[in-house]
Amino acid sequence: ITLESLKDRTRPDVDRDTLKTQDNLLGQFLRLVDDTIDDADALLEICRALEPLYDQAIASQLISAPDIEELKSLVDSAGIKGLDLMYKE
């Protein structure tokens, strides 16, 4: 068996639901991430913002625009990265 790719799906070992309820920057950020993932209009707005990238001749040969599920995954990954950067024990 040959490993073709490996994706890191680990998450910080924190109580994200509790952090999300806090009235601070991290709580607001986590709520925004979750709201964006659940908001079709927000995801469509992100798609529109990314269109110029995928319209570039070179980029369009290398990558394709993400579908909705891929876009949700990208937003979730951004949320995890933000949590990693902002959370202090």
Protein backbone atom coordinates (compact mmCIF):
# COMPACT_ATOMS: atom_id res chain seq x y z
CA ILE A 1 0.00 0.00 0.00
CA THR A 2 1.28 3.44 -0.95
CA LEU A 3 0.11 6.48 0.94
CA GLU A 4 -1.04 9.08 -1.57
CA SER A 5 -1.91 11.89 0.82
CA LEU A 6 -2.34 12.62 4.48
CA LYS A 7 -4.75 15.17 5.95
CA ASP A 8 -4.45 16.50 9.47
CA ARG A 9 -7.93 16.45 10.99
CA THR A 10 -6.81 16.90 14.59
CA ARG A 11 -8.45 19.55 16.72
CA PRO A 12 -7.28 21.37 19.83
CA ASP A 13 -8.17 19.53 23.05
CA VAL A 14 -10.46 22.25 24.42
CA ASP A 15 -14.15 22.62 25.23
CA ARG A 16 -15.01 24.56 22.08
CA ASP A 17 -18.69 24.90 23.02
CA THR A 18 -17.80 26.63 26.29
CA LEU A 19 -15.25 28.88 24.59
CA LYS A 20 -17.87 29.81 22.01
CA THR A 21 -20.19 31.17 24.72
CA GLN A 22 -17.60 33.56 26.13
CA ASP A 23 -17.96 37.28 25.48
CA ASN A 24 -14.48 37.88 24.11
CA LEU A 25 -12.69 37.90 20.76
CA LEU A 26 -12.23 34.13 20.69
CA GLY A 27 -15.89 33.47 21.50
CA GLN A 28 -17.01 35.91 18.81
CA PHE A 29 -14.63 34.34 16.31
CA LEU A 30 -15.85 30.79 17.00
CA ARG A 31 -19.49 31.89 16.72
CA LEU A 32 -18.71 33.60 13.41
CA VAL A 33 -17.05 30.44 12.07
CA ASP A 34 -20.03 28.29 13.02
CA ASP A 35 -22.54 30.83 11.70
CA THR A 36 -20.65 31.07 8.40
CA ILE A 37 -20.59 27.29 7.94
CA ASP A 38 -24.37 27.21 8.45
CA ASP A 39 -25.14 30.26 6.27
CA ALA A 40 -25.52 29.55 2.55
CA ASP A 41 -25.46 33.28 1.74
CA ALA A 42 -22.18 33.77 3.61
CA LEU A 43 -20.63 30.81 1.80
CA LEU A 44 -21.83 32.20 -1.53
CA GLU A 45 -20.26 35.55 -0.65
CA ILE A 46 -16.94 33.80 0.01
CA CYS A 47 -17.25 32.00 -3.35
CA ARG A 48 -17.79 35.34 -5.08
CA ALA A 49 -14.78 36.84 -3.34
CA LEU A 50 -12.63 33.92 -4.52
CA GLU A 51 -13.83 34.03 -8.16
CA PRO A 52 -11.00 36.28 -9.40
CA LEU A 53 -8.48 33.73 -8.14
CA TYR A 54 -10.05 30.90 -10.11
CA ASP A 55 -10.51 33.09 -13.19
CA GLN A 56 -6.73 33.48 -13.55
CA ALA A 57 -5.45 31.36 -16.44
CA ILE A 58 -2.60 29.74 -14.53
CA ALA A 59 -4.57 29.18 -11.33
CA SER A 60 -7.50 27.65 -13.20
CA GLN A 61 -5.15 25.02 -14.62
CA LEU A 62 -3.84 24.09 -11.18
CA ILE A 63 -6.86 24.37 -8.89
CA SER A 64 -10.61 24.42 -9.20
CA ALA A 65 -13.10 26.43 -7.20
CA PRO A 66 -14.25 24.60 -4.06
CA ASP A 67 -17.76 23.21 -3.87
CA ILE A 68 -19.92 24.03 -0.85
CA GLU A 69 -18.69 21.10 1.26
CA GLU A 70 -15.05 21.95 0.50
CA LEU A 71 -15.74 25.58 1.34
CA LYS A 72 -17.30 24.56 4.68
CA SER A 73 -14.18 22.50 5.36
CA LEU A 74 -11.95 25.48 4.54
CA VAL A 75 -13.91 27.72 6.92
CA ASP A 76 -13.73 25.03 9.61
CA SER A 77 -9.96 24.72 9.09
CA ALA A 78 -9.62 28.50 9.42
CA GLY A 79 -11.58 28.26 12.67
CA ILE A 80 -9.23 25.61 14.01
CA LYS A 81 -6.19 27.68 13.03
CA GLY A 82 -7.69 30.78 14.66
CA LEU A 83 -8.42 28.80 17.81
CA ASP A 84 -4.83 27.55 17.88
CA LEU A 85 -3.53 31.11 17.56
CA MET A 86 -5.90 32.82 20.02
CA TYR A 87 -6.46 30.26 22.78
CA LYS A 88 -4.31 30.62 25.87
CA GLU A 89 -4.76 28.19 28.77
